[in-house]
């Protein structure tokens, strides 16, 4: 239903469906990640420290581009920078 709502064709869904398997071990592995064992405050404190100054620097460096992205897609620069920092440490 989610795929169809996202515009995936019925043919593609029917071709892919037999290949899909619910794997409980993946769900378990996902939930067992260390960062899910912490409170949000613990998680956020560890992730924010050391990323604020690089984030500010990237905002200055890419501010115009990030503003264009916000204008086109509605995603604020701060959100993009936060995700970029969390996922890559701005690399």
N, C-alpha and C. Protein backbone atom coordinates (compact mmCIF):
# COMPACT_ATOMS: atom_id res chain seq x y z
N UNK A 1 0.83 -1.20 0.00
CA UNK A 1 0.00 0.00 0.00
C UNK A 1 0.87 1.26 0.00
N UNK A 2 1.98 1.24 0.79
CA UNK A 2 2.87 2.40 0.84
C UNK A 2 3.53 2.63 -0.52
N UNK A 3 3.98 1.54 -1.16
CA UNK A 3 4.62 1.66 -2.47
C UNK A 3 3.64 2.22 -3.50
N UNK A 4 2.45 1.71 -3.50
CA UNK A 4 1.44 2.16 -4.46
C UNK A 4 1.12 3.64 -4.22
N UNK A 5 0.99 4.02 -2.96
CA UNK A 5 0.72 5.42 -2.63
C UNK A 5 1.88 6.33 -3.06
N UNK A 6 3.09 5.76 -3.10
CA UNK A 6 4.26 6.53 -3.51
C UNK A 6 4.42 6.55 -5.03
N UNK A 7 3.48 5.91 -5.75
CA UNK A 7 3.52 5.96 -7.20
C UNK A 7 4.19 4.79 -7.88
N UNK A 8 4.52 3.74 -7.13
CA UNK A 8 5.12 2.55 -7.73
C UNK A 8 4.02 1.81 -8.48
N UNK A 9 4.34 1.37 -9.69
CA UNK A 9 3.34 0.73 -10.52
C UNK A 9 2.93 -0.64 -9.97
N UNK A 10 1.72 -1.06 -10.31
CA UNK A 10 1.24 -2.38 -9.88
C UNK A 10 2.15 -3.49 -10.41
N UNK A 11 2.63 -3.33 -11.64
CA UNK A 11 3.52 -4.33 -12.22
C UNK A 11 4.80 -4.47 -11.40
N UNK A 12 5.39 -3.36 -11.03
CA UNK A 12 6.62 -3.40 -10.23
C UNK A 12 6.36 -4.03 -8.87
N UNK A 13 5.25 -3.68 -8.26
CA UNK A 13 4.91 -4.25 -6.96
C UNK A 13 4.74 -5.76 -7.08
N UNK A 14 4.03 -6.21 -8.10
CA UNK A 14 3.80 -7.65 -8.28
C UNK A 14 5.09 -8.40 -8.57
N UNK A 15 6.03 -7.77 -9.27
CA UNK A 15 7.31 -8.41 -9.55
C UNK A 15 8.19 -8.47 -8.30
N UNK A 16 8.11 -7.46 -7.46
CA UNK A 16 8.96 -7.38 -6.28
C UNK A 16 8.42 -8.16 -5.09
N UNK A 17 7.11 -8.25 -4.99
CA UNK A 17 6.47 -8.84 -3.82
C UNK A 17 6.98 -10.25 -3.47
N UNK A 18 7.14 -11.15 -4.44
CA UNK A 18 7.62 -12.49 -4.08
C UNK A 18 9.04 -12.51 -3.49
N UNK A 19 9.79 -11.46 -3.75
CA UNK A 19 11.17 -11.38 -3.24
C UNK A 19 11.24 -10.84 -1.81
N UNK A 20 10.16 -10.28 -1.35
CA UNK A 20 10.15 -9.65 -0.03
C UNK A 20 9.86 -10.68 1.06
N UNK A 21 10.71 -10.62 2.10
CA UNK A 21 10.57 -11.55 3.21
C UNK A 21 10.73 -10.76 4.51
N UNK A 22 9.83 -10.99 5.43
CA UNK A 22 9.97 -10.36 6.74
C UNK A 22 11.03 -11.13 7.52
N UNK A 23 12.09 -10.46 7.89
CA UNK A 23 13.21 -11.09 8.57
C UNK A 23 13.31 -10.52 9.98
N UNK A 24 12.86 -11.30 10.98
CA UNK A 24 12.86 -10.84 12.37
C UNK A 24 14.26 -10.48 12.85
N UNK A 25 15.29 -11.16 12.32
CA UNK A 25 16.65 -10.88 12.78
C UNK A 25 17.07 -9.44 12.43
N UNK A 26 16.59 -8.93 11.31
CA UNK A 26 16.91 -7.56 10.93
C UNK A 26 16.23 -6.58 11.88
N UNK A 27 15.00 -6.85 12.21
CA UNK A 27 14.29 -6.00 13.16
C UNK A 27 15.01 -6.01 14.51
N UNK A 28 15.44 -7.19 14.95
CA UNK A 28 16.17 -7.30 16.21
C UNK A 28 17.49 -6.53 16.14
N UNK A 29 18.24 -6.70 15.06
CA UNK A 29 19.52 -6.00 14.93
C UNK A 29 19.33 -4.50 14.92
N UNK A 30 18.28 -4.05 14.25
CA UNK A 30 18.02 -2.62 14.19
C UNK A 30 17.73 -2.06 15.59
N UNK A 31 16.89 -2.74 16.34
CA UNK A 31 16.54 -2.28 17.68
C UNK A 31 17.64 -2.44 18.70
N UNK A 32 18.63 -3.29 18.39
CA UNK A 32 19.72 -3.54 19.33
C UNK A 32 20.89 -2.58 19.16
N UNK A 33 20.79 -1.64 18.23
CA UNK A 33 21.87 -0.69 18.04
C UNK A 33 22.07 0.10 19.32
N UNK A 34 23.32 0.37 19.62
CA UNK A 34 23.68 1.01 20.90
C UNK A 34 22.95 2.33 21.13
N UNK A 35 22.77 3.11 20.08
CA UNK A 35 22.13 4.41 20.31
C UNK A 35 20.66 4.29 20.68
N UNK A 36 20.04 3.13 20.45
CA UNK A 36 18.66 2.94 20.88
C UNK A 36 18.58 2.53 22.35
N UNK A 37 19.71 2.27 22.95
CA UNK A 37 19.74 1.85 24.35
C UNK A 37 19.96 3.05 25.27
N UNK A 38 20.03 4.24 24.72
CA UNK A 38 20.26 5.45 25.51
C UNK A 38 18.98 6.29 25.55
N UNK A 39 18.95 7.17 26.53
CA UNK A 39 17.86 8.14 26.53
C UNK A 39 18.11 9.15 25.41
N UNK A 40 17.08 9.89 25.03
CA UNK A 40 17.28 10.89 23.99
C UNK A 40 18.31 11.92 24.43
N UNK A 41 18.27 12.32 25.69
CA UNK A 41 19.21 13.32 26.18
C UNK A 41 20.65 12.82 26.07
N UNK A 42 20.89 11.57 26.45
CA UNK A 42 22.23 11.00 26.31
C UNK A 42 22.66 10.97 24.84
N UNK A 43 21.77 10.51 24.00
CA UNK A 43 22.05 10.42 22.57
C UNK A 43 22.37 11.80 21.99
N UNK A 44 21.49 12.77 22.27
CA UNK A 44 21.65 14.10 21.70
C UNK A 44 22.92 14.79 22.20
N UNK A 45 23.20 14.66 23.49
CA UNK A 45 24.38 15.31 24.07
C UNK A 45 25.65 14.79 23.40
N UNK A 46 25.75 13.50 23.23
CA UNK A 46 26.94 12.92 22.60
C UNK A 46 27.05 13.31 21.13
N UNK A 47 25.92 13.42 20.45
CA UNK A 47 25.95 13.69 19.02
C UNK A 47 26.14 15.17 18.70
N UNK A 48 25.67 16.04 19.57
CA UNK A 48 25.76 17.47 19.31
C UNK A 48 27.16 18.01 19.60
N UNK A 49 27.74 17.54 20.70
CA UNK A 49 29.06 18.02 21.10
C UNK A 49 30.05 17.79 19.96
N UNK A 50 30.77 18.79 19.59
CA UNK A 50 31.76 18.67 18.54
C UNK A 50 31.21 18.89 17.14
N UNK A 51 29.91 19.05 17.01
CA UNK A 51 29.32 19.26 15.68
C UNK A 51 28.78 20.67 15.50
N UNK A 52 28.64 21.43 16.56
CA UNK A 52 28.08 22.77 16.44
C UNK A 52 28.97 23.70 15.62
N UNK A 53 30.24 23.78 15.96
CA UNK A 53 31.13 24.69 15.24
C UNK A 53 31.32 24.28 13.78
N UNK A 54 31.55 22.98 13.50
CA UNK A 54 31.62 22.61 12.08
C UNK A 54 30.32 22.90 11.34
N UNK A 55 29.20 22.73 12.00
CA UNK A 55 27.91 23.03 11.38
C UNK A 55 27.78 24.51 11.04
N UNK A 56 28.21 25.36 11.96
CA UNK A 56 28.17 26.80 11.70
C UNK A 56 29.07 27.16 10.52
N UNK A 57 30.21 26.52 10.46
CA UNK A 57 31.14 26.76 9.36
C UNK A 57 30.53 26.34 8.02
N UNK A 58 29.88 25.18 8.01
CA UNK A 58 29.24 24.70 6.78
C UNK A 58 28.07 25.60 6.38
N UNK A 59 27.39 26.17 7.36
CA UNK A 59 26.30 27.09 7.07
C UNK A 59 26.83 28.33 6.35
N UNK A 60 27.98 28.83 6.81
CA UNK A 60 28.59 29.98 6.14
C UNK A 60 29.06 29.59 4.74
N UNK A 61 29.69 28.43 4.65
CA UNK A 61 30.26 27.98 3.39
C UNK A 61 29.18 27.69 2.33
N UNK A 62 28.11 27.05 2.75
CA UNK A 62 27.06 26.60 1.81
C UNK A 62 25.72 27.30 2.01
N UNK A 63 25.73 28.42 2.70
CA UNK A 63 24.49 29.11 3.03
C UNK A 63 23.61 29.40 1.84
N UNK A 64 24.20 29.89 0.75
CA UNK A 64 23.41 30.23 -0.43
C UNK A 64 22.76 28.98 -1.04
N UNK A 65 23.53 27.91 -1.16
CA UNK A 65 22.99 26.67 -1.70
C UNK A 65 21.89 26.11 -0.80
N UNK A 66 22.15 26.12 0.51
CA UNK A 66 21.16 25.61 1.44
C UNK A 66 19.87 26.43 1.40
N UNK A 67 20.00 27.72 1.17
CA UNK A 67 18.81 28.57 1.05
C UNK A 67 18.03 28.22 -0.21
N UNK A 68 18.74 27.91 -1.28
CA UNK A 68 18.08 27.50 -2.52
C UNK A 68 17.33 26.18 -2.31
N UNK A 69 17.95 25.27 -1.57
CA UNK A 69 17.29 23.99 -1.28
C UNK A 69 16.03 24.23 -0.47
N UNK A 70 16.12 25.10 0.52
CA UNK A 70 14.93 25.41 1.32
C UNK A 70 13.84 26.02 0.46
N UNK A 71 14.22 26.95 -0.41
CA UNK A 71 13.23 27.60 -1.27
C UNK A 71 12.54 26.59 -2.18
N UNK A 72 13.31 25.63 -2.68
CA UNK A 72 12.74 24.67 -3.62
C UNK A 72 11.99 23.54 -2.94
N UNK A 73 12.53 23.04 -1.81
CA UNK A 73 11.96 21.84 -1.18
C UNK A 73 11.34 22.07 0.19
N UNK A 74 11.57 23.25 0.76
CA UNK A 74 10.96 23.56 2.05
C UNK A 74 11.69 22.99 3.26
N UNK A 75 12.91 22.51 3.06
CA UNK A 75 13.67 21.93 4.18
C UNK A 75 14.65 23.00 4.68
N UNK A 76 14.52 23.43 5.93
CA UNK A 76 15.40 24.47 6.46
C UNK A 76 16.86 24.04 6.48
N UNK A 77 17.78 24.98 6.24
CA UNK A 77 19.20 24.67 6.26
C UNK A 77 19.65 23.98 7.55
N UNK A 78 19.09 24.39 8.67
CA UNK A 78 19.50 23.80 9.94
C UNK A 78 19.18 22.30 10.01
N UNK A 79 18.08 21.92 9.42
CA UNK A 79 17.70 20.50 9.40
C UNK A 79 18.68 19.71 8.53
N UNK A 80 18.98 20.26 7.35
CA UNK A 80 19.93 19.60 6.47
C UNK A 80 21.31 19.47 7.13
N UNK A 81 21.73 20.55 7.78
CA UNK A 81 23.04 20.52 8.44
C UNK A 81 23.06 19.52 9.60
N UNK A 82 21.97 19.44 10.34
CA UNK A 82 21.91 18.50 11.46
C UNK A 82 22.02 17.07 10.95
N UNK A 83 21.29 16.76 9.89
CA UNK A 83 21.36 15.40 9.33
C UNK A 83 22.74 15.12 8.74
N UNK A 84 23.29 16.08 8.03
CA UNK A 84 24.62 15.94 7.44
C UNK A 84 25.64 15.67 8.54
N UNK A 85 25.58 16.44 9.60
CA UNK A 85 26.52 16.27 10.71
C UNK A 85 26.38 14.94 11.40
N UNK A 86 25.15 14.52 11.67
CA UNK A 86 24.93 13.24 12.35
C UNK A 86 25.38 12.05 11.50
N UNK A 87 25.13 12.12 10.22
CA UNK A 87 25.42 10.98 9.35
C UNK A 87 26.86 10.92 8.88
N UNK A 88 27.54 12.07 8.76
CA UNK A 88 28.88 12.04 8.16
C UNK A 88 29.95 12.82 8.92
N UNK A 89 29.57 13.50 9.99
CA UNK A 89 30.49 14.43 10.66
C UNK A 89 30.99 15.49 9.67
N UNK A 90 30.12 15.86 8.73
CA UNK A 90 30.40 16.88 7.72
C UNK A 90 31.51 16.49 6.76
N UNK A 91 31.66 15.21 6.50
CA UNK A 91 32.67 14.78 5.52
C UNK A 91 32.03 14.53 4.20
